[in-house]
Amino acid sequence: MKKVTLALMLAGAASLVMADASGLYKKCAGCHGAKGEKKALGKSAKIGGMDVATLEADIKGYKAGTLNKHGMGMLMKGQVAGLNDAQIKELAEYIHGL
């Protein structure tokens, strides 16, 4: 019984993380598309399915103001400014899975 309860708790926690990440991604979807299939403003790479490490590094670079891919640095800095490291990781994993 304890194993079943623990398994259900872990499954619930995993779905909460995905729910949080999908909520975070809503802000991105306007430019990048629901599945990350669009080049944002016709300039960026398609982000859906990109590897997690690259996504994480790019988001952190935009947040720090040290990344300016396709001239989108300032716009992206504003978009990701409020994310903490845990949210960045969740978001990167979510985008990778699109």
N, C-alpha and C. Protein backbone atom coordinates (compact mmCIF):
# COMPACT_ATOMS: atom_id res chain seq x y z
N MET A 1 0.83 -1.20 0.00
CA MET A 1 0.00 0.00 0.00
C MET A 1 0.87 1.25 0.00
N LYS A 2 1.97 1.23 0.78
CA LYS A 2 2.85 2.40 0.83
C LYS A 2 3.48 2.67 -0.52
N LYS A 3 3.86 1.60 -1.25
CA LYS A 3 4.47 1.77 -2.56
C LYS A 3 3.49 2.38 -3.55
N VAL A 4 2.25 1.96 -3.49
CA VAL A 4 1.23 2.49 -4.39
C VAL A 4 0.99 3.97 -4.08
N THR A 5 0.90 4.31 -2.82
CA THR A 5 0.70 5.70 -2.42
C THR A 5 1.85 6.57 -2.87
N LEU A 6 3.08 6.10 -2.67
CA LEU A 6 4.25 6.85 -3.09
C LEU A 6 4.26 7.03 -4.60
N ALA A 7 3.94 5.99 -5.33
CA ALA A 7 3.91 6.08 -6.79
C ALA A 7 2.87 7.10 -7.26
N LEU A 8 1.71 7.11 -6.63
CA LEU A 8 0.68 8.08 -6.97
C LEU A 8 1.10 9.49 -6.64
N MET A 9 1.79 9.68 -5.53
CA MET A 9 2.28 11.00 -5.14
C MET A 9 3.31 11.50 -6.16
N LEU A 10 4.22 10.62 -6.57
CA LEU A 10 5.23 11.02 -7.54
C LEU A 10 4.62 11.34 -8.89
N ALA A 11 3.65 10.57 -9.30
CA ALA A 11 2.96 10.84 -10.57
C ALA A 11 2.25 12.18 -10.50
N GLY A 12 1.62 12.47 -9.38
CA GLY A 12 0.95 13.75 -9.20
C GLY A 12 1.92 14.91 -9.23
N ALA A 13 3.07 14.74 -8.60
CA ALA A 13 4.09 15.79 -8.59
C ALA A 13 4.62 16.03 -10.00
N ALA A 14 4.83 14.97 -10.76
CA ALA A 14 5.32 15.11 -12.13
C ALA A 14 4.30 15.85 -12.99
N SER A 15 3.02 15.55 -12.81
CA SER A 15 2.01 16.24 -13.61
C SER A 15 1.90 17.71 -13.21
N LEU A 16 2.13 18.02 -11.95
CA LEU A 16 2.12 19.42 -11.52
C LEU A 16 3.27 20.20 -12.16
N VAL A 17 4.44 19.58 -12.23
CA VAL A 17 5.58 20.24 -12.88
C VAL A 17 5.26 20.50 -14.34
N MET A 18 4.70 19.51 -15.03
CA MET A 18 4.34 19.70 -16.44
C MET A 18 3.27 20.77 -16.59
N ALA A 19 2.33 20.82 -15.65
CA ALA A 19 1.30 21.85 -15.70
C ALA A 19 1.92 23.23 -15.52
N ASP A 20 2.87 23.34 -14.59
CA ASP A 20 3.56 24.61 -14.39
C ASP A 20 4.33 25.00 -15.63
N ALA A 21 5.05 24.05 -16.23
CA ALA A 21 5.85 24.33 -17.41
C ALA A 21 4.97 24.72 -18.59
N SER A 22 3.84 24.05 -18.74
CA SER A 22 2.95 24.41 -19.85
C SER A 22 2.39 25.82 -19.64
N GLY A 23 2.16 26.17 -18.39
CA GLY A 23 1.72 27.53 -18.08
C GLY A 23 2.79 28.56 -18.39
N LEU A 24 4.03 28.22 -18.08
CA LEU A 24 5.15 29.11 -18.41
C LEU A 24 5.28 29.26 -19.92
N TYR A 25 5.05 28.18 -20.64
CA TYR A 25 5.24 28.21 -22.09
C TYR A 25 4.17 29.05 -22.80
N LYS A 26 3.03 29.25 -22.19
CA LYS A 26 1.96 30.03 -22.83
C LYS A 26 2.48 31.39 -23.28
N LYS A 27 3.37 31.97 -22.51
CA LYS A 27 3.96 33.27 -22.84
C LYS A 27 4.83 33.16 -24.10
N CYS A 28 5.42 32.02 -24.32
CA CYS A 28 6.32 31.78 -25.45
C CYS A 28 5.55 31.47 -26.73
N ALA A 29 4.41 30.80 -26.56
CA ALA A 29 3.66 30.26 -27.70
C ALA A 29 3.19 31.33 -28.68
N GLY A 30 2.97 32.53 -28.20
CA GLY A 30 2.52 33.60 -29.09
C GLY A 30 3.46 33.85 -30.25
N CYS A 31 4.74 33.74 -30.00
CA CYS A 31 5.74 33.95 -31.06
C CYS A 31 6.31 32.63 -31.60
N HIS A 32 6.50 31.65 -30.73
CA HIS A 32 7.16 30.40 -31.12
C HIS A 32 6.19 29.31 -31.57
N GLY A 33 4.88 29.51 -31.38
CA GLY A 33 3.89 28.51 -31.76
C GLY A 33 3.63 27.52 -30.64
N ALA A 34 2.48 26.88 -30.70
CA ALA A 34 2.05 25.95 -29.64
C ALA A 34 3.02 24.80 -29.45
N LYS A 35 3.69 24.39 -30.51
CA LYS A 35 4.63 23.27 -30.45
C LYS A 35 6.07 23.72 -30.69
N GLY A 36 6.33 25.03 -30.61
CA GLY A 36 7.67 25.55 -30.87
C GLY A 36 8.06 25.42 -32.33
N GLU A 37 7.04 25.36 -33.20
CA GLU A 37 7.26 25.09 -34.62
C GLU A 37 7.52 26.33 -35.46
N LYS A 38 7.39 27.51 -34.88
CA LYS A 38 7.54 28.76 -35.64
C LYS A 38 8.88 29.43 -35.35
N LYS A 39 9.37 30.14 -36.35
CA LYS A 39 10.51 31.02 -36.14
C LYS A 39 9.91 32.31 -35.57
N ALA A 40 10.23 32.63 -34.34
CA ALA A 40 9.64 33.80 -33.69
C ALA A 40 9.96 35.06 -34.49
N LEU A 41 8.92 35.79 -34.82
CA LEU A 41 9.00 37.00 -35.62
C LEU A 41 9.76 36.77 -36.92
N GLY A 42 9.75 35.53 -37.40
CA GLY A 42 10.43 35.18 -38.63
C GLY A 42 11.95 35.15 -38.52
N LYS A 43 12.48 35.23 -37.29
CA LYS A 43 13.93 35.36 -37.12
C LYS A 43 14.58 34.18 -36.41
N SER A 44 13.97 33.68 -35.37
CA SER A 44 14.64 32.70 -34.50
C SER A 44 14.63 31.30 -35.10
N ALA A 45 15.35 30.41 -34.46
CA ALA A 45 15.26 28.99 -34.81
C ALA A 45 13.94 28.45 -34.28
N LYS A 46 13.50 27.35 -34.82
CA LYS A 46 12.34 26.66 -34.27
C LYS A 46 12.82 25.96 -33.00
N ILE A 47 12.16 26.23 -31.88
CA ILE A 47 12.67 25.74 -30.59
C ILE A 47 12.11 24.40 -30.16
N GLY A 48 10.99 23.98 -30.70
CA GLY A 48 10.39 22.71 -30.31
C GLY A 48 11.34 21.55 -30.55
N GLY A 49 11.60 20.77 -29.51
CA GLY A 49 12.47 19.62 -29.62
C GLY A 49 13.95 19.89 -29.47
N MET A 50 14.34 21.15 -29.33
CA MET A 50 15.76 21.45 -29.12
C MET A 50 16.25 20.75 -27.86
N ASP A 51 17.56 20.52 -27.78
CA ASP A 51 18.05 19.82 -26.59
C ASP A 51 17.98 20.72 -25.35
N VAL A 52 17.77 20.09 -24.22
CA VAL A 52 17.52 20.78 -22.96
C VAL A 52 18.68 21.70 -22.59
N ALA A 53 19.91 21.22 -22.72
CA ALA A 53 21.08 22.02 -22.32
C ALA A 53 21.17 23.32 -23.13
N THR A 54 20.91 23.24 -24.42
CA THR A 54 20.96 24.44 -25.27
C THR A 54 19.85 25.41 -24.88
N LEU A 55 18.66 24.88 -24.70
CA LEU A 55 17.53 25.74 -24.31
C LEU A 55 17.80 26.43 -22.98
N GLU A 56 18.29 25.66 -22.02
CA GLU A 56 18.59 26.23 -20.70
C GLU A 56 19.64 27.31 -20.80
N ALA A 57 20.72 27.03 -21.53
CA ALA A 57 21.80 28.01 -21.68
C ALA A 57 21.31 29.27 -22.39
N ASP A 58 20.50 29.09 -23.43
CA ASP A 58 19.98 30.25 -24.16
C ASP A 58 19.08 31.10 -23.28
N ILE A 59 18.17 30.45 -22.56
CA ILE A 59 17.25 31.22 -21.70
C ILE A 59 18.04 31.98 -20.64
N LYS A 60 19.03 31.31 -20.04
CA LYS A 60 19.86 31.99 -19.03
C LYS A 60 20.66 33.13 -19.65
N GLY A 61 21.15 32.94 -20.87
CA GLY A 61 21.87 34.00 -21.56
C GLY A 61 20.99 35.20 -21.86
N TYR A 62 19.78 34.93 -22.30
CA TYR A 62 18.83 36.04 -22.53
C TYR A 62 18.52 36.76 -21.23
N LYS A 63 18.30 36.00 -20.17
CA LYS A 63 17.98 36.60 -18.86
C LYS A 63 19.12 37.49 -18.38
N ALA A 64 20.36 37.04 -18.56
CA ALA A 64 21.53 37.80 -18.12
C ALA A 64 21.84 38.98 -19.05
N GLY A 65 21.24 38.98 -20.22
CA GLY A 65 21.51 40.05 -21.18
C GLY A 65 22.79 39.82 -21.97
N THR A 66 23.30 38.59 -21.95
CA THR A 66 24.55 38.28 -22.64
C THR A 66 24.34 37.58 -23.97
N LEU A 67 23.11 37.29 -24.33
CA LEU A 67 22.80 36.60 -25.57
C LEU A 67 21.91 37.48 -26.44
N ASN A 68 22.25 37.55 -27.72
CA ASN A 68 21.48 38.40 -28.63
C ASN A 68 21.33 37.70 -29.99
N LYS A 69 20.87 36.45 -29.98
CA LYS A 69 20.68 35.72 -31.23
C LYS A 69 19.64 36.42 -32.09
N HIS A 70 19.96 36.60 -33.35
CA HIS A 70 19.03 37.17 -34.34
C HIS A 70 18.53 38.56 -33.92
N GLY A 71 19.30 39.26 -33.08
CA GLY A 71 18.90 40.59 -32.62
C GLY A 71 17.73 40.59 -31.66
N MET A 72 17.45 39.44 -31.03
CA MET A 72 16.28 39.30 -30.17
C MET A 72 16.61 39.40 -28.69
N GLY A 73 17.85 39.77 -28.36
CA GLY A 73 18.28 39.78 -26.97
C GLY A 73 17.43 40.60 -26.02
N MET A 74 17.17 41.83 -26.38
CA MET A 74 16.41 42.71 -25.48
C MET A 74 14.96 42.24 -25.33
N LEU A 75 14.35 41.81 -26.42
CA LEU A 75 12.98 41.32 -26.36
C LEU A 75 12.91 40.08 -25.47
N MET A 76 13.83 39.15 -25.70
CA MET A 76 13.82 37.91 -24.93
C MET A 76 14.19 38.15 -23.46
N LYS A 77 15.07 39.10 -23.21
CA LYS A 77 15.42 39.41 -21.82
C LYS A 77 14.17 39.79 -21.03
N GLY A 78 13.33 40.59 -21.62
CA GLY A 78 12.08 40.97 -20.96
C GLY A 78 11.13 39.80 -20.76
N GLN A 79 11.14 38.87 -21.70
CA GLN A 79 10.25 37.71 -21.63
C GLN A 79 10.65 36.74 -20.53
N VAL A 80 11.95 36.59 -20.27
CA VAL A 80 12.43 35.58 -19.33
C VAL A 80 12.91 36.16 -18.00
N ALA A 81 12.84 37.47 -17.85
CA ALA A 81 13.38 38.13 -16.67
C ALA A 81 12.85 37.59 -15.35
N GLY A 82 11.61 37.19 -15.30
CA GLY A 82 11.00 36.74 -14.05
C GLY A 82 11.19 35.27 -13.73
N LEU A 83 11.90 34.54 -14.57
CA LEU A 83 12.07 33.10 -14.35
C LEU A 83 13.24 32.81 -13.41
N ASN A 84 13.04 31.88 -12.49
CA ASN A 84 14.15 31.44 -11.65
C ASN A 84 14.79 30.22 -12.30
N ASP A 85 15.90 29.73 -11.75
CA ASP A 85 16.63 28.62 -12.36
C ASP A 85 15.78 27.36 -12.48
N ALA A 86 14.97 27.07 -11.47
CA ALA A 86 14.12 25.87 -11.52
C ALA A 86 13.09 26.00 -12.64
N GLN A 87 12.51 27.18 -12.80
CA GLN A 87 11.53 27.39 -13.86
C GLN A 87 12.19 27.31 -15.24
N ILE A 88 13.39 27.82 -15.35
CA ILE A 88 14.12 27.74 -16.62
C ILE A 88 14.35 26.28 -17.00
N LYS A 89 14.75 25.48 -16.03
CA LYS A 89 14.98 24.05 -16.29
C LYS A 89 13.67 23.37 -16.70
N GLU A 90 12.60 23.63 -15.97
CA GLU A 90 11.29 23.05 -16.30
C GLU A 90 10.85 23.46 -17.71
N LEU A 91 11.02 24.72 -18.02
CA LEU A 91 10.62 25.23 -19.32
C LEU A 91 11.45 24.60 -20.43
N ALA A 92 12.75 24.47 -20.23
CA ALA A 92 13.63 23.85 -21.22
C ALA A 92 13.23 22.40 -21.46
N GLU A 93 12.92 21.69 -20.40
CA GLU A 93 12.50 20.29 -20.54
C GLU A 93 11.16 20.19 -21.26
N TYR A 94 10.26 21.11 -20.97
CA TYR A 94 8.96 21.12 -21.62
C TYR A 94 9.10 21.39 -23.12
N ILE A 95 9.89 22.40 -23.46
CA ILE A 95 10.09 22.75 -24.88
C ILE A 95 10.75 21.59 -25.61
N HIS A 96 11.70 20.95 -24.98
CA HIS A 96 12.36 19.79 -25.59
C HIS A 96 11.34 18.71 -25.94
N GLY A 97 10.34 18.55 -25.11
CA GLY A 97 9.33 17.51 -25.32
C GLY A 97 8.23 17.87 -26.31
N LEU A 98 8.24 19.09 -26.81
CA LEU A 98 7.18 19.49 -27.75
C LEU A 98 7.30 18.77 -29.08
